Amino acid sequence: MKRILFTLLSLFITFVAFSQNDQVIPKTDPALGLRADGKIWVVMAVCLTILAGLFIYVISIDRKISRLEKNSR
């Protein structure tokens, strides 16, 4: 009885999942609006600024650790 119930439940879930694919869902690309407005360059500049800041921070921490290691010898 449990097998039959589980099989029917699985088939029902699969049927519901496939029925959702038949709906027409408009595909919108969030980057498309940013590109059209020219704001994508602002987003890119902010991302690059954050990455550059992270790299500078990691390099400075590495130098400090190297100095501490050298002084501890």
N, C-alpha and C. Protein backbone atom coordinates (compact mmCIF):
# COMPACT_ATOMS: atom_id res chain seq x y z
N MET A 1 0.82 -1.20 0.00
CA MET A 1 0.00 0.00 0.00
C MET A 1 0.86 1.26 0.00
N LYS A 2 1.95 1.25 0.78
CA LYS A 2 2.83 2.42 0.83
C LYS A 2 3.50 2.64 -0.52
N ARG A 3 3.87 1.57 -1.19
CA ARG A 3 4.51 1.69 -2.51
C ARG A 3 3.57 2.33 -3.51
N ILE A 4 2.36 1.89 -3.52
CA ILE A 4 1.38 2.44 -4.48
C ILE A 4 1.13 3.91 -4.18
N LEU A 5 0.99 4.25 -2.92
CA LEU A 5 0.77 5.64 -2.55
C LEU A 5 1.96 6.50 -2.93
N PHE A 6 3.17 6.00 -2.66
CA PHE A 6 4.37 6.74 -3.01
C PHE A 6 4.50 6.91 -4.52
N THR A 7 4.19 5.87 -5.28
CA THR A 7 4.25 5.94 -6.75
C THR A 7 3.24 6.96 -7.28
N LEU A 8 2.04 6.93 -6.76
CA LEU A 8 1.02 7.89 -7.22
C LEU A 8 1.40 9.32 -6.85
N LEU A 9 1.95 9.49 -5.66
CA LEU A 9 2.39 10.82 -5.23
C LEU A 9 3.52 11.32 -6.12
N SER A 10 4.46 10.46 -6.44
CA SER A 10 5.57 10.84 -7.33
C SER A 10 5.07 11.20 -8.71
N LEU A 11 4.15 10.43 -9.25
CA LEU A 11 3.60 10.74 -10.57
C LEU A 11 2.84 12.06 -10.56
N PHE A 12 2.11 12.32 -9.47
CA PHE A 12 1.37 13.57 -9.37
C PHE A 12 2.31 14.76 -9.31
N ILE A 13 3.39 14.64 -8.52
CA ILE A 13 4.36 15.74 -8.42
C ILE A 13 5.02 15.97 -9.77
N THR A 14 5.37 14.90 -10.47
CA THR A 14 5.96 15.03 -11.80
C THR A 14 4.99 15.69 -12.77
N PHE A 15 3.72 15.29 -12.71
CA PHE A 15 2.70 15.88 -13.58
C PHE A 15 2.55 17.38 -13.32
N VAL A 16 2.55 17.77 -12.07
CA VAL A 16 2.43 19.19 -11.71
C VAL A 16 3.66 19.95 -12.19
N ALA A 17 4.84 19.36 -12.05
CA ALA A 17 6.06 20.03 -12.48
C ALA A 17 6.06 20.23 -13.99
N PHE A 18 5.62 19.23 -14.75
CA PHE A 18 5.59 19.37 -16.20
C PHE A 18 4.51 20.34 -16.65
N SER A 19 3.42 20.42 -15.93
CA SER A 19 2.35 21.34 -16.34
C SER A 19 2.76 22.79 -16.16
N GLN A 20 3.71 23.06 -15.27
CA GLN A 20 4.16 24.42 -15.08
C GLN A 20 5.01 24.90 -16.24
N ASN A 21 5.61 24.01 -17.01
CA ASN A 21 6.44 24.40 -18.14
C ASN A 21 5.61 24.87 -19.32
N ASP A 22 4.32 24.58 -19.34
CA ASP A 22 3.47 24.97 -20.45
C ASP A 22 3.08 26.44 -20.40
N GLN A 23 3.24 27.07 -19.27
CA GLN A 23 2.88 28.47 -19.15
C GLN A 23 3.91 29.32 -19.87
N VAL A 24 3.44 30.39 -20.44
CA VAL A 24 4.33 31.31 -21.11
C VAL A 24 4.82 32.32 -20.08
N ILE A 25 6.10 32.24 -19.78
CA ILE A 25 6.70 33.15 -18.82
C ILE A 25 7.63 34.07 -19.58
N PRO A 26 7.38 35.37 -19.57
CA PRO A 26 8.27 36.26 -20.30
C PRO A 26 9.66 36.25 -19.67
N LYS A 27 10.65 36.08 -20.52
CA LYS A 27 12.02 36.05 -20.03
C LYS A 27 12.57 37.47 -20.05
N THR A 28 12.93 37.94 -18.89
CA THR A 28 13.51 39.27 -18.79
C THR A 28 14.91 39.13 -18.24
N ASP A 29 15.80 39.82 -18.85
CA ASP A 29 17.19 39.80 -18.42
C ASP A 29 17.45 41.08 -17.63
N PRO A 30 17.80 40.97 -16.34
CA PRO A 30 18.03 42.19 -15.56
C PRO A 30 19.15 43.06 -16.13
N ALA A 31 20.14 42.42 -16.73
CA ALA A 31 21.25 43.19 -17.28
C ALA A 31 20.84 43.93 -18.56
N LEU A 32 19.78 43.47 -19.20
CA LEU A 32 19.34 44.12 -20.43
C LEU A 32 18.91 45.56 -20.17
N GLY A 33 18.16 45.78 -19.10
CA GLY A 33 17.75 47.13 -18.75
C GLY A 33 18.92 48.00 -18.35
N LEU A 34 19.90 47.40 -17.65
CA LEU A 34 21.09 48.16 -17.25
C LEU A 34 21.91 48.56 -18.46
N ARG A 35 22.01 47.64 -19.43
CA ARG A 35 22.77 47.96 -20.64
C ARG A 35 22.08 49.05 -21.45
N ALA A 36 20.77 48.99 -21.50
CA ALA A 36 20.03 49.98 -22.27
C ALA A 36 20.17 51.37 -21.67
N ASP A 37 20.21 51.46 -20.36
CA ASP A 37 20.32 52.75 -19.68
C ASP A 37 21.76 53.22 -19.55
N GLY A 38 22.71 52.36 -19.84
CA GLY A 38 24.11 52.71 -19.68
C GLY A 38 24.58 52.59 -18.24
N LYS A 39 23.76 52.00 -17.39
CA LYS A 39 24.12 51.87 -15.98
C LYS A 39 25.00 50.66 -15.73
N ILE A 40 25.16 49.80 -16.71
CA ILE A 40 25.99 48.62 -16.54
C ILE A 40 27.43 49.04 -16.26
N TRP A 41 27.83 50.17 -16.79
CA TRP A 41 29.21 50.65 -16.56
C TRP A 41 29.40 51.08 -15.11
N VAL A 42 28.35 51.60 -14.52
CA VAL A 42 28.41 51.98 -13.10
C VAL A 42 28.55 50.72 -12.25
N VAL A 43 27.78 49.70 -12.58
CA VAL A 43 27.85 48.43 -11.85
C VAL A 43 29.24 47.82 -11.99
N MET A 44 29.77 47.84 -13.21
CA MET A 44 31.12 47.29 -13.45
C MET A 44 32.17 48.07 -12.68
N ALA A 45 32.05 49.39 -12.65
CA ALA A 45 33.03 50.22 -11.93
C ALA A 45 32.99 49.93 -10.43
N VAL A 46 31.79 49.77 -9.88
CA VAL A 46 31.67 49.46 -8.45
C VAL A 46 32.28 48.09 -8.15
N CYS A 47 31.99 47.10 -8.98
CA CYS A 47 32.55 45.75 -8.78
C CYS A 47 34.07 45.77 -8.87
N LEU A 48 34.60 46.46 -9.86
CA LEU A 48 36.06 46.53 -10.01
C LEU A 48 36.71 47.28 -8.84
N THR A 49 36.05 48.31 -8.35
CA THR A 49 36.58 49.05 -7.21
C THR A 49 36.62 48.16 -5.96
N ILE A 50 35.57 47.41 -5.75
CA ILE A 50 35.53 46.50 -4.60
C ILE A 50 36.61 45.43 -4.73
N LEU A 51 36.76 44.84 -5.92
CA LEU A 51 37.80 43.83 -6.13
C LEU A 51 39.20 44.41 -5.94
N ALA A 52 39.44 45.60 -6.46
CA ALA A 52 40.75 46.23 -6.29
C ALA A 52 41.03 46.48 -4.81
N GLY A 53 40.04 46.93 -4.07
CA GLY A 53 40.19 47.15 -2.64
C GLY A 53 40.51 45.86 -1.90
N LEU A 54 39.84 44.78 -2.28
CA LEU A 54 40.13 43.49 -1.65
C LEU A 54 41.54 43.01 -1.94
N PHE A 55 41.99 43.17 -3.19
CA PHE A 55 43.35 42.77 -3.55
C PHE A 55 44.38 43.58 -2.78
N ILE A 56 44.17 44.88 -2.69
CA ILE A 56 45.10 45.73 -1.95
C ILE A 56 45.13 45.34 -0.48
N TYR A 57 43.97 45.04 0.09
CA TYR A 57 43.90 44.63 1.48
C TYR A 57 44.66 43.31 1.71
N VAL A 58 44.46 42.34 0.83
CA VAL A 58 45.14 41.05 0.97
C VAL A 58 46.65 41.21 0.83
N ILE A 59 47.08 42.03 -0.10
CA ILE A 59 48.52 42.25 -0.28
C ILE A 59 49.11 42.93 0.95
N SER A 60 48.40 43.91 1.51
CA SER A 60 48.94 44.58 2.70
C SER A 60 49.00 43.64 3.89
N ILE A 61 47.99 42.80 4.06
CA ILE A 61 48.00 41.81 5.14
C ILE A 61 49.15 40.82 4.94
N ASP A 62 49.39 40.40 3.71
CA ASP A 62 50.49 39.49 3.42
C ASP A 62 51.84 40.11 3.78
N ARG A 63 52.01 41.37 3.45
CA ARG A 63 53.27 42.06 3.79
C ARG A 63 53.45 42.17 5.30
N LYS A 64 52.38 42.48 6.02
CA LYS A 64 52.47 42.58 7.47
C LYS A 64 52.82 41.23 8.10
N ILE A 65 52.21 40.18 7.60
CA ILE A 65 52.50 38.84 8.12
C ILE A 65 53.94 38.45 7.81
N SER A 66 54.41 38.78 6.61
CA SER A 66 55.81 38.48 6.25
C SER A 66 56.77 39.21 7.17
N ARG A 67 56.46 40.49 7.46
CA ARG A 67 57.31 41.26 8.39
C ARG A 67 57.32 40.66 9.78
N LEU A 68 56.18 40.24 10.27
CA LEU A 68 56.08 39.62 11.59
C LEU A 68 56.85 38.30 11.65
N GLU A 69 56.75 37.51 10.57
CA GLU A 69 57.48 36.25 10.53
C GLU A 69 58.98 36.48 10.52
N LYS A 70 59.40 37.50 9.77
CA LYS A 70 60.82 37.81 9.68
C LYS A 70 61.34 38.30 11.03
N ASN A 71 60.58 39.12 11.75
CA ASN A 71 61.00 39.66 13.03
C ASN A 71 60.98 38.63 14.16
N SER A 72 60.15 37.59 14.00
CA SER A 72 60.04 36.60 15.07
C SER A 72 61.21 35.61 15.05
N ARG A 73 61.99 35.60 14.02
CA ARG A 73 63.13 34.66 13.94
C ARG A 73 64.22 35.12 14.75
